């Protein structure tokens, strides 16, 4: 056996165990340390090269105090001496993370609170508002209602709701200007931005709920910093009936001949009729009307001049001063309402959802509704109407939300389809008359209010495979057919009709009623759902079996001898 080889005296034995780390030397000093830690001073040299590279260059003034430091890294008062050439008080030491008793090892700053998504309903009506609120709650949205013109409750609350009525149906907050003051869109946007900051909200979209708010809604959305808004350059073309004709004609689509009349006495009406080579009857209307208000069919020059003078410089139905009247050629054929949904997530950007055929009669120079019925938008007979309506929406810059196109068309017997559609008007809004509610109940798997909220918030929109209605919906317009103070009604028990769905009484006993000339002058609306023949039958019954007793007010309203008339 070979003898053990002793190392030479000048070569000490090599120790293959690792050197203690600096933190071990500091925190757990060896008992036989050559230089006790207690005796260490500023001149003690620690072999940093043999320890962690990150600690190279560190210097320690009093290692005993290190165990008392709660931080991972401790920096001295200053890393340099006064002359800036020598690191005098620089201390960097790794330390334990977990303390003796359990605490959170890392205390971050409090995270930013999560923003609450919100939706603005501009000028809402109660029947539609209820469904929009329900759709918003499904998506976790806070609902803010903006009422441009506060209501005092004297008008029909369903259509002119008070702030209290909106809160009762589920709206979270309501903004309205002071009673009697004019609505300012900039001030409204500033208030909503303030609310957004104070309540930690994030507005996603602005939904216009009636015709008078379609231009305000996109402007308000832009002022709130939203990108989900329709083309702002065409905002007036979606409200002004003259400008919308310009936009649609520029897109290569047919529009009625028209002229703007500005003379207070209506004297320019005759000149415009000659220049446009129009034949009577002609149409004179206010450019920013709604609900068929201030629309006149004129069969003579005298009527055209008179109605033009009545409109120019007057206050329109929306409460704004009218600067001109619109003269149009009278388009023959039947009238249709075509409702659409616009969203970049749909295949063509805009999709027809339902079509309604209007049945109207001429009453004292105004086309008055009798009833409106739903038809199948997939029927080949309406294909040209579908294409035309989609083109109109693109022409006026409707990209998000609902659209409502009213047009006229003629029926071609040979081709068995409706042809030559011509726009009456278009609005970037939900259709009135509860049409969306009726579409929801008759078209399988169609949720129009959910789709409307999704489109205005920029969410993907879910569409049904077909918009063919399983049942036919009809809205019947019930007229008082006379003027006076309402004394009583008969035949208003519309629930007796087999296809009855719902109804609303627009006039109460003691209120003034009149022969219907616009949508808000009817005595009642009735909605029916069923087979085509059944709903038409019930629509006629609802109208023909409704009677009123009125107290005829004399021409001189100061007279106290009213006459009683009944039907």
Protein backbone atom coordinates (compact mmCIF):
# COMPACT_ATOMS: atom_id res chain seq x y z
CA UNK A 1 0.00 0.00 0.00
CA UNK A 2 1.40 3.25 -1.05
CA UNK A 3 2.14 5.65 1.72
CA UNK A 4 0.01 8.77 1.99
CA UNK A 5 1.41 11.68 0.24
CA UNK A 6 1.58 14.66 2.49
CA UNK A 7 1.26 18.06 0.90
CA UNK A 8 4.25 20.20 0.96
CA UNK A 9 4.46 22.65 3.82
CA UNK A 10 4.33 25.57 1.47
CA UNK A 11 1.10 24.25 -0.17
CA UNK A 12 -1.73 24.09 2.36
CA UNK A 13 -4.37 21.42 1.81
CA UNK A 14 -7.16 22.55 -0.58
CA UNK A 15 -10.63 22.58 0.98
CA UNK A 16 -13.26 21.43 -1.55
CA UNK A 17 -16.15 22.71 0.58
CA UNK A 18 -17.52 26.09 -0.51
CA UNK A 19 -16.77 29.27 1.37
CA UNK A 20 -19.61 30.62 3.49
CA UNK A 21 -21.59 33.29 1.71
CA UNK A 22 -21.42 36.85 2.84
CA UNK A 23 -24.98 36.75 4.16
CA UNK A 24 -24.14 33.60 6.16
CA UNK A 25 -21.10 35.28 7.63
CA UNK A 26 -23.14 38.30 8.54
CA UNK A 27 -26.26 36.59 9.85
CA UNK A 28 -24.64 33.43 11.29
CA UNK A 29 -21.07 34.30 12.27
CA UNK A 30 -18.85 31.27 13.03
CA UNK A 31 -17.83 30.73 16.60
CA UNK A 32 -14.12 30.47 15.75
CA UNK A 33 -14.08 33.46 13.44
CA UNK A 34 -10.61 34.82 13.13
CA UNK A 35 -12.03 38.31 13.30
CA UNK A 36 -15.20 38.41 15.40
CA UNK A 37 -17.97 40.42 13.88
CA UNK A 38 -18.20 42.47 17.01
CA UNK A 39 -14.61 43.57 16.44
CA UNK A 40 -15.12 44.43 12.78
CA UNK A 41 -14.70 48.05 11.88
CA UNK A 42 -14.59 50.19 8.77
CA UNK A 43 -11.05 48.99 7.99
CA UNK A 44 -11.98 45.29 8.03
CA UNK A 45 -11.51 43.81 4.58
CA UNK A 46 -14.14 41.29 3.40
CA UNK A 47 -13.14 39.10 0.41
CA UNK A 48 -16.09 40.16 -1.79
CA UNK A 49 -14.61 38.48 -4.88
CA UNK A 50 -15.28 35.12 -3.25
CA UNK A 51 -18.94 35.94 -2.74
CA UNK A 52 -21.90 36.87 -4.94
CA UNK A 53 -20.98 39.01 -7.94
CA UNK A 54 -23.86 41.38 -7.23
CA UNK A 55 -22.22 42.40 -3.97
CA UNK A 56 -18.89 43.37 -5.47
CA UNK A 57 -18.12 46.95 -4.61
CA UNK A 58 -20.42 47.08 -1.59
CA UNK A 59 -19.06 48.45 1.65
CA UNK A 60 -20.47 48.05 5.14
CA UNK A 61 -20.22 50.42 8.01
CA UNK A 62 -21.74 48.21 10.73
CA UNK A 63 -22.73 44.68 9.71
CA UNK A 64 -24.49 44.02 13.05
CA UNK A 65 -27.25 46.46 12.15
CA UNK A 66 -28.03 44.57 8.96
CA UNK A 67 -30.23 42.02 10.75
CA UNK A 68 -32.39 44.88 11.96
CA UNK A 69 -33.20 46.13 8.43
CA UNK A 70 -36.55 44.97 7.04
CA UNK A 71 -35.81 45.70 3.41
CA UNK A 72 -34.22 43.60 0.72
CA UNK A 73 -31.76 46.36 -0.05
CA UNK A 74 -30.54 49.17 2.20
CA UNK A 75 -28.88 52.24 0.80
CA UNK A 76 -26.87 54.61 2.95
CA UNK A 77 -27.40 58.32 3.27
CA UNK A 78 -25.19 58.97 0.29
CA UNK A 79 -22.97 56.65 -1.76
CA UNK A 80 -20.23 59.22 -2.06
CA UNK A 81 -18.08 61.30 0.21
CA UNK A 82 -18.03 65.04 -0.05
CA UNK A 83 -15.39 65.08 -2.77
CA UNK A 84 -17.43 62.55 -4.82
CA UNK A 85 -14.48 60.23 -5.46
CA UNK A 86 -14.92 57.53 -2.85
CA UNK A 87 -17.95 55.37 -1.95
CA UNK A 88 -18.17 55.94 1.78
CA UNK A 89 -21.62 54.90 3.04
CA UNK A 90 -22.95 52.67 0.29
CA UNK A 91 -24.55 49.53 1.71
CA UNK A 92 -26.33 46.79 -0.30
CA UNK A 93 -27.23 43.59 1.51
CA UNK A 94 -29.57 40.68 0.72
CA UNK A 95 -31.91 39.87 3.60
CA UNK A 96 -34.72 37.56 4.50
CA UNK A 97 -38.07 38.13 2.78
CA UNK A 98 -40.43 36.46 5.24
CA UNK A 99 -40.56 37.86 8.74
CA UNK A 100 -40.98 35.82 11.94
CA UNK A 101 -44.77 36.32 11.86
CA UNK A 102 -46.66 36.00 8.61
CA UNK A 103 -47.07 39.20 6.65
CA UNK A 104 -47.50 39.91 2.94
CA UNK A 105 -43.87 39.78 1.69
CA UNK A 106 -44.47 42.44 -0.96
CA UNK A 107 -46.78 45.41 -0.39
CA UNK A 108 -47.73 46.85 -3.79
CA UNK A 109 -49.66 50.08 -4.21
CA UNK A 110 -53.42 49.70 -4.25
CA UNK A 111 -54.54 48.77 -7.80
CA UNK A 112 -56.66 51.12 -9.83
CA UNK A 113 -60.35 50.41 -9.26
CA UNK A 114 -62.14 48.60 -12.10
CA UNK A 115 -64.21 50.94 -14.28
CA UNK A 116 -67.97 50.39 -14.45
CA UNK A 117 -69.18 50.23 -18.05
CA UNK A 118 -72.15 52.51 -18.75
CA UNK A 119 -74.62 53.29 -21.53
CA UNK A 120 -76.41 56.56 -22.30
CA UNK A 121 -80.06 56.52 -23.44
CA UNK A 122 -80.80 59.85 -25.12
CA UNK A 123 -84.42 61.05 -24.85
CA UNK A 124 -85.92 57.64 -23.96
CA UNK A 125 -89.55 56.51 -24.07
CA UNK A 126 -90.82 54.15 -21.40
CA UNK A 127 -91.95 51.21 -23.63
CA UNK A 128 -88.60 50.93 -25.41
CA UNK A 129 -86.57 52.02 -22.39
CA UNK A 130 -87.68 49.01 -20.36
CA UNK A 131 -86.27 46.60 -22.93
CA UNK A 132 -83.04 48.57 -23.36
CA UNK A 133 -82.50 48.59 -19.60
CA UNK A 134 -83.01 44.83 -19.48
CA UNK A 135 -80.50 44.34 -22.30
CA UNK A 136 -78.01 46.63 -20.56
CA UNK A 137 -78.27 44.80 -17.27
CA UNK A 138 -77.49 41.50 -18.99
CA UNK A 139 -74.19 43.06 -20.00
CA UNK A 140 -73.49 44.61 -16.60
CA UNK A 141 -74.01 48.18 -17.85
CA UNK A 142 -75.00 51.14 -15.74
CA UNK A 143 -77.84 52.98 -17.53
CA UNK A 144 -77.76 56.77 -17.69
CA UNK A 145 -80.81 58.50 -19.20
CA UNK A 146 -80.45 61.98 -20.70
CA UNK A 147 -83.69 63.96 -21.08
CA UNK A 148 -83.11 67.08 -23.23
CA UNK A 149 -86.51 68.58 -22.43
CA UNK A 150 -87.71 67.80 -18.89
CA UNK A 151 -91.34 66.75 -18.55
CA UNK A 152 -93.61 68.04 -15.81
CA UNK A 153 -95.88 65.01 -16.07
CA UNK A 154 -98.73 66.81 -17.82
CA UNK A 155 -98.23 64.85 -21.06
CA UNK A 156 -98.48 61.12 -21.58
CA UNK A 157 -95.76 59.75 -19.31
CA UNK A 158 -95.07 56.70 -21.49
CA UNK A 159 -93.88 58.97 -24.30
CA UNK A 160 -92.76 62.02 -22.31
CA UNK A 161 -91.41 60.46 -19.09
CA UNK A 162 -90.38 62.34 -16.00
CA UNK A 163 -87.10 61.63 -14.24
CA UNK A 164 -89.01 59.82 -11.49
CA UNK A 165 -90.75 57.58 -14.04
CA UNK A 166 -87.42 56.64 -15.64
CA UNK A 167 -85.91 55.76 -12.27
CA UNK A 168 -88.93 53.62 -11.40
CA UNK A 169 -88.49 51.43 -14.50
CA UNK A 170 -84.86 50.70 -13.68
CA UNK A 171 -82.72 53.56 -14.99
CA UNK A 172 -79.79 54.09 -12.63
CA UNK A 173 -79.33 57.85 -13.13
CA UNK A 174 -81.09 60.63 -15.05
CA UNK A 175 -79.57 63.85 -16.36
CA UNK A 176 -81.81 66.71 -17.46
CA UNK A 177 -81.26 70.47 -17.71
CA UNK A 178 -83.14 72.78 -15.33
CA UNK A 179 -86.83 73.13 -16.13
CA UNK A 180 -87.35 75.81 -18.77
CA UNK A 181 -83.71 76.03 -19.87
CA UNK A 182 -82.50 75.07 -23.34
CA UNK A 183 -80.60 71.81 -23.76
CA UNK A 184 -76.89 72.36 -24.44
CA UNK A 185 -75.07 69.36 -25.88
CA UNK A 186 -71.62 70.65 -24.81
CA UNK A 187 -72.76 71.28 -21.25
CA UNK A 188 -74.37 67.84 -21.17
CA UNK A 189 -71.13 66.19 -22.33
CA UNK A 190 -69.14 68.09 -19.70
CA UNK A 191 -71.54 66.94 -16.99
CA UNK A 192 -71.35 63.32 -18.14
CA UNK A 193 -67.55 63.44 -18.22
CA UNK A 194 -67.59 64.80 -14.67
CA UNK A 195 -69.91 62.01 -13.56
CA UNK A 196 -67.69 59.51 -15.38
CA UNK A 197 -64.64 60.67 -13.42
CA UNK A 198 -66.34 60.98 -10.04
CA UNK A 199 -68.20 57.68 -10.18
CA UNK A 200 -65.47 55.69 -11.91
CA UNK A 201 -67.57 55.01 -15.03
CA UNK A 202 -66.70 54.30 -18.63
CA UNK A 203 -69.35 55.21 -21.19
CA UNK A 204 -69.40 52.77 -24.09
CA UNK A 205 -72.18 54.14 -26.28
CA UNK A 206 -75.02 56.63 -26.75
CA UNK A 207 -78.39 55.31 -27.96
CA UNK A 208 -80.87 57.74 -29.59
CA UNK A 209 -84.38 56.76 -28.55
CA UNK A 210 -86.45 59.06 -30.74
CA UNK A 211 -86.28 60.98 -34.00
CA UNK A 212 -85.46 64.37 -32.53
CA UNK A 213 -82.24 63.02 -30.93
CA UNK A 214 -80.56 61.27 -33.88
CA UNK A 215 -78.18 64.16 -34.61
CA UNK A 216 -77.45 64.90 -30.95
CA UNK A 217 -76.52 61.32 -30.14
CA UNK A 218 -73.47 61.07 -32.39
CA UNK A 219 -72.24 64.51 -31.37
CA UNK A 220 -72.63 63.61 -27.70
CA UNK A 221 -70.77 60.33 -28.29
CA UNK A 222 -67.90 62.15 -29.97
CA UNK A 223 -67.70 64.66 -27.09
CA UNK A 224 -67.48 61.72 -24.69
CA UNK A 225 -64.50 60.41 -26.64
CA UNK A 226 -66.28 57.41 -28.14
CA UNK A 227 -65.27 55.89 -31.45
CA UNK A 228 -68.51 53.96 -31.91
CA UNK A 229 -70.41 56.82 -33.54
CA UNK A 230 -71.93 57.34 -36.97
CA UNK A 231 -70.33 59.59 -39.58
CA UNK A 232 -70.26 63.06 -37.97
CA UNK A 233 -69.95 64.80 -41.32
CA UNK A 234 -73.39 63.44 -42.23
CA UNK A 235 -75.08 64.02 -38.87
CA UNK A 236 -77.46 66.64 -40.28
CA UNK A 237 -78.22 64.41 -43.27
CA UNK A 238 -79.71 61.90 -40.84
CA UNK A 239 -82.17 64.50 -39.53
CA UNK A 240 -82.78 67.25 -42.09
CA UNK A 241 -85.02 65.92 -44.87
CA UNK A 242 -83.45 68.24 -47.44
CA UNK A 243 -79.86 67.32 -46.64
CA UNK A 244 -80.66 63.61 -46.52
CA UNK A 245 -81.95 63.85 -50.10
CA UNK A 246 -78.65 65.42 -51.13
CA UNK A 247 -76.65 62.58 -49.52
CA UNK A 248 -78.84 59.84 -50.99
CA UNK A 249 -78.81 61.40 -54.47
CA UNK A 250 -75.02 61.71 -54.30
CA UNK A 251 -74.91 57.95 -53.71
CA UNK A 252 -76.71 57.40 -57.01
CA UNK A 253 -80.09 56.48 -55.53
CA UNK A 254 -83.39 57.91 -56.67
CA UNK A 255 -85.01 60.66 -54.59
CA UNK A 256 -88.09 62.83 -55.09
CA UNK A 257 -87.75 66.21 -56.78
CA UNK A 258 -87.60 68.91 -54.14
CA UNK A 259 -86.89 72.58 -53.46
CA UNK A 260 -86.24 74.71 -50.38
CA UNK A 261 -88.69 77.57 -49.89
CA UNK A 262 -87.62 80.52 -47.74
CA UNK A 263 -90.13 83.33 -48.36
CA UNK A 264 -92.33 84.14 -45.40
CA UNK A 265 -95.38 84.67 -47.60
CA UNK A 266 -94.85 81.45 -49.55
CA UNK A 267 -94.49 83.30 -52.84
CA UNK A 268 -91.56 81.17 -54.01
CA UNK A 269 -93.66 78.00 -53.98
CA UNK A 270 -95.22 78.64 -57.39
CA UNK A 271 -91.88 79.41 -59.01
CA UNK A 272 -90.38 76.17 -57.61
CA UNK A 273 -93.32 74.12 -58.88
CA UNK A 274 -92.81 75.52 -62.38
CA UNK A 275 -89.04 75.00 -62.38
CA UNK A 276 -89.36 71.41 -61.18
CA UNK A 277 -92.22 70.79 -63.64
CA UNK A 278 -94.35 69.29 -60.90
CA UNK A 279 -97.98 68.35 -61.18
CA UNK A 280 -100.54 68.56 -58.40
CA UNK A 281 -100.76 67.25 -55.81
CA UNK A 282 -97.44 68.36 -54.29
CA UNK A 283 -96.11 67.88 -50.78
CA UNK A 284 -95.11 70.72 -48.44
CA UNK A 285 -93.45 69.73 -45.17
CA UNK A 286 -91.24 70.97 -42.39
CA UNK A 287 -87.62 69.83 -42.87
CA UNK A 288 -87.11 68.47 -39.33
CA UNK A 289 -90.54 67.06 -38.61
CA UNK A 290 -91.57 63.84 -36.90
CA UNK A 291 -94.64 61.67 -36.38
CA UNK A 292 -96.10 62.93 -39.69
CA UNK A 293 -96.52 66.42 -38.18
CA UNK A 294 -96.59 69.43 -40.51
CA UNK A 295 -96.82 67.35 -43.69
CA UNK A 296 -99.40 68.64 -46.19
CA UNK A 297 -100.59 67.30 -49.53
CA UNK A 298 -101.53 70.32 -51.62
CA UNK A 299 -103.94 70.00 -54.56
CA UNK A 300 -103.75 73.64 -55.66
CA UNK A 301 -101.39 76.61 -55.79
CA UNK A 302 -103.32 78.33 -52.99
CA UNK A 303 -102.81 75.41 -50.63
CA UNK A 304 -99.10 75.19 -51.46
CA UNK A 305 -98.58 78.91 -50.79
CA UNK A 306 -100.59 78.81 -47.56
CA UNK A 307 -98.83 75.82 -46.02
CA UNK A 308 -95.42 77.11 -47.08
CA UNK A 309 -96.09 80.40 -45.30
CA UNK A 310 -97.25 78.49 -42.22
CA UNK A 311 -93.98 76.54 -41.99
CA UNK A 312 -91.31 79.14 -42.89
CA UNK A 313 -89.89 80.88 -39.79
CA UNK A 314 -92.26 78.97 -37.53
CA UNK A 315 -91.38 76.66 -34.63
CA UNK A 316 -91.18 73.07 -35.78
CA UNK A 317 -92.44 69.96 -33.97
CA UNK A 318 -89.00 69.50 -32.40
CA UNK A 319 -89.13 72.95 -30.81
CA UNK A 320 -86.58 74.54 -33.14
CA UNK A 321 -87.25 77.48 -35.43
CA UNK A 322 -87.74 76.39 -39.01
CA UNK A 323 -85.70 78.33 -41.57
CA UNK A 324 -87.35 76.95 -44.69
CA UNK A 325 -90.11 74.69 -45.97
CA UNK A 326 -89.53 71.69 -48.17
CA UNK A 327 -91.48 71.29 -51.41
CA UNK A 328 -91.51 67.78 -52.92
CA UNK A 329 -93.14 65.94 -55.74
CA UNK A 330 -95.91 63.57 -54.71
CA UNK A 331 -94.77 59.98 -55.13
CA UNK A 332 -97.44 57.41 -55.91
CA UNK A 333 -97.57 53.84 -54.74
CA UNK A 334 -97.65 52.31 -51.26
CA UNK A 335 -95.58 53.36 -48.28
CA UNK A 336 -93.25 51.03 -46.40
CA UNK A 337 -91.16 51.24 -43.25
CA UNK A 338 -87.95 49.23 -43.37
CA UNK A 339 -86.01 48.67 -40.15
CA UNK A 340 -82.33 47.81 -40.21
CA UNK A 341 -79.40 47.14 -37.91
CA UNK A 342 -75.98 48.61 -38.67
CA UNK A 343 -72.78 47.12 -37.27
CA UNK A 344 -69.32 46.33 -38.70
CA UNK A 345 -69.80 42.82 -37.32
CA UNK A 346 -72.64 42.05 -39.75
CA UNK A 347 -71.76 40.58 -43.17
CA UNK A 348 -72.75 43.67 -45.18
CA UNK A 349 -72.39 46.27 -42.47
CA UNK A 350 -76.16 46.85 -42.45
CA UNK A 351 -78.96 44.26 -42.31
CA UNK A 352 -82.73 44.57 -42.90
CA UNK A 353 -84.59 43.04 -39.94
CA UNK A 354 -88.29 43.73 -40.59
CA UNK A 355 -90.56 45.46 -43.13
CA UNK A 356 -93.93 47.09 -42.48
CA UNK A 357 -96.55 47.96 -45.09
CA UNK A 358 -98.51 51.15 -44.29
CA UNK A 359 -102.21 51.42 -45.07
CA UNK A 360 -103.11 55.11 -45.28
CA UNK A 361 -106.01 57.27 -46.41
CA UNK A 362 -106.07 60.93 -47.43
CA UNK A 363 -107.86 62.92 -44.74
CA UNK A 364 -108.12 66.69 -45.18
CA UNK A 365 -104.89 66.91 -47.13
CA UNK A 366 -102.91 64.55 -44.91
CA UNK A 367 -102.11 60.86 -45.38
CA UNK A 368 -103.41 59.25 -42.19
CA UNK A 369 -102.60 55.72 -41.00
CA UNK A 370 -105.33 53.11 -40.63
CA UNK A 371 -103.06 50.15 -39.81
CA UNK A 372 -99.53 48.89 -40.48
CA UNK A 373 -98.71 45.23 -41.02
CA UNK A 374 -95.48 43.25 -40.99
CA UNK A 375 -94.32 41.44 -44.13
CA UNK A 376 -91.56 38.93 -44.86
CA UNK A 377 -88.25 40.69 -45.74
CA UNK A 378 -86.98 37.49 -47.41
CA UNK A 379 -89.86 37.44 -49.88
CA UNK A 380 -88.57 38.07 -53.40
CA UNK A 381 -91.33 40.67 -53.88
CA UNK A 382 -89.47 43.04 -51.53
CA UNK A 383 -85.89 42.45 -52.73
CA UNK A 384 -85.52 45.84 -54.44
CA UNK A 385 -86.77 47.57 -51.29
CA UNK A 386 -84.17 45.76 -49.18
CA UNK A 387 -81.30 46.75 -51.48
CA UNK A 388 -82.48 50.35 -51.70
CA UNK A 389 -82.88 50.74 -47.92
CA UNK A 390 -79.40 49.36 -47.27
CA UNK A 391 -77.97 51.82 -49.79
CA UNK A 392 -79.79 54.73 -48.12
CA UNK A 393 -78.26 53.83 -44.73
CA UNK A 394 -74.76 53.75 -46.16
CA UNK A 395 -75.35 57.03 -47.99
CA UNK A 396 -76.16 58.94 -44.79
CA UNK A 397 -73.34 57.35 -42.77
CA UNK A 398 -75.25 54.99 -40.47
CA UNK A 399 -72.67 52.52 -39.14
CA UNK A 400 -73.87 51.63 -35.64
CA UNK A 401 -77.28 50.90 -34.19
CA UNK A 402 -80.80 50.82 -35.57
CA UNK A 403 -82.02 52.58 -38.72
CA UNK A 404 -85.52 53.34 -39.93
CA UNK A 405 -86.18 54.01 -43.63
CA UNK A 406 -89.56 55.13 -44.95
CA UNK A 407 -90.08 54.84 -48.70
CA UNK A 408 -92.69 54.45 -51.40
CA UNK A 409 -92.80 51.81 -54.13
CA UNK A 410 -95.05 50.58 -56.89
CA UNK A 411 -96.18 47.01 -57.46
CA UNK A 412 -95.33 45.48 -60.83
CA UNK A 413 -97.94 42.87 -61.73
CA UNK A 414 -95.82 41.26 -64.43
CA UNK A 415 -92.76 40.82 -62.24
CA UNK A 416 -94.81 40.15 -59.09
CA UNK A 417 -92.65 42.44 -56.99
CA UNK A 418 -92.37 45.99 -55.67
CA UNK A 419 -90.24 48.27 -57.84
CA UNK A 420 -88.98 51.87 -58.15
CA UNK A 421 -88.48 52.60 -54.42
CA UNK A 422 -88.12 56.29 -53.47
CA UNK A 423 -87.04 57.49 -50.01
CA UNK A 424 -89.37 59.60 -47.91
CA UNK A 425 -86.97 59.88 -44.97
CA UNK A 426 -84.36 57.96 -42.98
CA UNK A 427 -83.46 58.08 -39.31
CA UNK A 428 -80.61 56.52 -37.31
CA UNK A 429 -82.94 55.37 -34.57
CA UNK A 430 -85.24 52.71 -33.26
CA UNK A 431 -88.57 52.62 -35.10
CA UNK A 432 -91.56 54.00 -33.25
CA UNK A 433 -94.86 52.26 -32.70
CA UNK A 434 -93.30 49.39 -30.73
CA UNK A 435 -92.14 47.82 -33.98
CA UNK A 436 -89.00 46.41 -32.36
CA UNK A 437 -91.12 44.89 -29.57
CA UNK A 438 -93.42 43.29 -32.14
CA UNK A 439 -90.45 42.02 -34.15
CA UNK A 440 -89.02 40.41 -31.02
CA UNK A 441 -92.28 38.53 -30.44
CA UNK A 442 -92.78 37.37 -34.03
CA UNK A 443 -89.27 36.65 -35.42
CA UNK A 444 -87.70 33.52 -33.87
CA UNK A 445 -84.40 34.07 -32.01
CA UNK A 446 -84.34 37.80 -32.74
CA UNK A 447 -83.41 40.08 -29.84
CA UNK A 448 -83.50 43.62 -31.30
CA UNK A 449 -82.77 45.46 -28.07
CA UNK A 450 -79.80 43.25 -27.23
CA UNK A 451 -78.50 43.78 -30.76
CA UNK A 452 -79.00 47.54 -30.52
CA UNK A 453 -77.05 47.77 -27.25
CA UNK A 454 -74.27 45.57 -28.65
CA UNK A 455 -74.02 47.64 -31.85
CA UNK A 456 -73.79 50.98 -30.00
CA UNK A 457 -71.20 49.58 -27.58
CA UNK A 458 -69.07 48.10 -30.36
CA UNK A 459 -69.75 44.48 -29.33
CA UNK A 460 -70.31 41.68 -31.88
CA UNK A 461 -73.98 41.43 -32.80
CA UNK A 462 -75.78 38.09 -32.78
CA UNK A 463 -78.18 37.70 -35.70
CA UNK A 464 -80.79 34.97 -36.28
CA UNK A 465 -80.41 32.73 -39.34
CA UNK A 466 -83.61 34.20 -40.81
CA UNK A 467 -85.85 37.22 -40.23
CA UNK A 468 -88.95 35.53 -41.59
CA UNK A 469 -91.75 36.22 -39.05
CA UNK A 470 -93.54 33.19 -37.61
CA UNK A 471 -96.65 35.33 -37.01
CA UNK A 472 -97.82 38.63 -38.47
CA UNK A 473 -97.92 41.74 -36.29
CA UNK A 474 -100.24 44.69 -36.97
CA UNK A 475 -100.58 48.11 -35.39
CA UNK A 476 -104.09 49.59 -35.70
CA UNK A 477 -104.63 53.35 -35.40
CA UNK A 478 -107.93 54.18 -33.69
CA UNK A 479 -109.23 57.67 -34.39
CA UNK A 480 -111.85 59.76 -32.58
CA UNK A 481 -112.98 61.10 -35.96
CA UNK A 482 -114.23 64.39 -34.48
CA UNK A 483 -113.10 67.41 -32.51
CA UNK A 484 -114.09 68.37 -29.00
CA UNK A 485 -113.76 67.53 -25.33
CA UNK A 486 -113.90 63.79 -24.72
CA UNK A 487 -116.85 62.75 -22.55
CA UNK A 488 -116.82 58.97 -22.87
CA UNK A 489 -115.59 56.06 -25.02
CA UNK A 490 -117.15 52.81 -26.19
CA UNK A 491 -115.41 49.89 -27.78
CA UNK A 492 -112.15 50.54 -25.96
CA UNK A 493 -112.13 47.01 -24.50
CA UNK A 494 -109.65 45.86 -27.14
CA UNK A 495 -108.84 42.71 -25.15
CA UNK A 496 -111.95 41.17 -26.73
CA UNK A 497 -110.14 40.81 -30.07
CA UNK A 498 -108.79 37.26 -30.63
CA UNK A 499 -105.36 38.43 -31.85
CA UNK A 500 -104.99 41.14 -29.19
CA UNK A 501 -101.45 41.78 -27.91
CA UNK A 502 -101.46 45.21 -26.25
CA UNK A 503 -102.89 48.71 -26.55
CA UNK A 504 -102.51 52.23 -25.24
CA UNK A 505 -105.15 54.94 -24.79
CA UNK A 506 -103.76 58.31 -25.87
CA UNK A 507 -106.72 60.44 -24.83
CA UNK A 508 -108.48 60.51 -21.48
CA UNK A 509 -111.92 61.75 -20.54
CA UNK A 510 -111.88 65.53 -20.21
CA UNK A 511 -109.09 66.04 -22.73
CA UNK A 512 -109.47 67.58 -26.15
CA UNK A 513 -109.62 65.15 -29.06
CA UNK A 514 -109.55 65.85 -32.78
CA UNK A 515 -109.80 64.13 -36.11
CA UNK A 516 -106.52 62.30 -36.56
CA UNK A 517 -103.99 64.11 -38.74
CA UNK A 518 -100.71 62.89 -37.23
CA UNK A 519 -99.53 60.04 -35.07
CA UNK A 520 -100.11 61.77 -31.75
CA UNK A 521 -103.70 62.87 -32.54
CA UNK A 522 -105.19 59.36 -32.47
CA UNK A 523 -107.31 58.22 -29.58
CA UNK A 524 -105.62 54.83 -29.20
CA UNK A 525 -103.12 52.36 -30.63
CA UNK A 526 -103.79 48.62 -30.73
CA UNK A 527 -101.20 45.90 -31.45
CA UNK A 528 -102.23 42.50 -32.77
CA UNK A 529 -100.33 39.26 -33.48
CA UNK A 530 -101.64 36.29 -35.42
CA UNK A 531 -102.26 35.03 -38.93
CA UNK A 532 -102.47 37.61 -41.71
CA UNK A 533 -106.23 37.38 -42.27
CA UNK A 534 -107.05 37.37 -38.56
CA UNK A 535 -105.02 40.44 -37.65
CA UNK A 536 -106.45 42.43 -40.57
CA UNK A 537 -109.96 41.53 -39.49
CA UNK A 538 -109.29 42.56 -35.90
CA UNK A 539 -107.61 45.78 -37.00
CA UNK A 540 -110.74 46.82 -38.85
CA UNK A 541 -112.90 45.85 -35.86
CA UNK A 542 -110.77 47.90 -33.49
CA UNK A 543 -111.32 50.97 -35.68
CA UNK A 544 -114.93 50.46 -36.72
CA UNK A 545 -116.30 49.53 -33.28
CA UNK A 546 -114.71 52.41 -31.40
CA UNK A 547 -117.06 55.32 -30.59
CA UNK A 548 -116.68 58.50 -28.60
CA UNK A 549 -118.97 61.10 -27.08
CA UNK A 550 -117.53 64.58 -27.24
CA UNK A 551 -118.51 68.01 -26.08
CA UNK A 552 -118.07 70.23 -29.10
CA UNK A 553 -116.18 73.36 -28.19
CA UNK A 554 -117.41 76.42 -30.12
CA UNK A 555 -115.10 78.41 -32.34
CA UNK A 556 -115.10 81.12 -29.70
CA UNK A 557 -113.64 79.22 -26.78
CA UNK A 558 -114.80 81.89 -24.38
CA UNK A 559 -118.39 80.82 -24.96
CA UNK A 560 -119.96 78.78 -22.18
CA UNK A 561 -122.58 76.99 -24.29
CA UNK A 562 -120.88 73.93 -25.72
CA UNK A 563 -122.89 71.45 -27.77
CA UNK A 564 -123.08 67.69 -27.18
CA UNK A 565 -122.52 65.33 -30.06
CA UNK A 566 -122.20 61.56 -30.11
CA UNK A 567 -121.44 58.82 -32.57
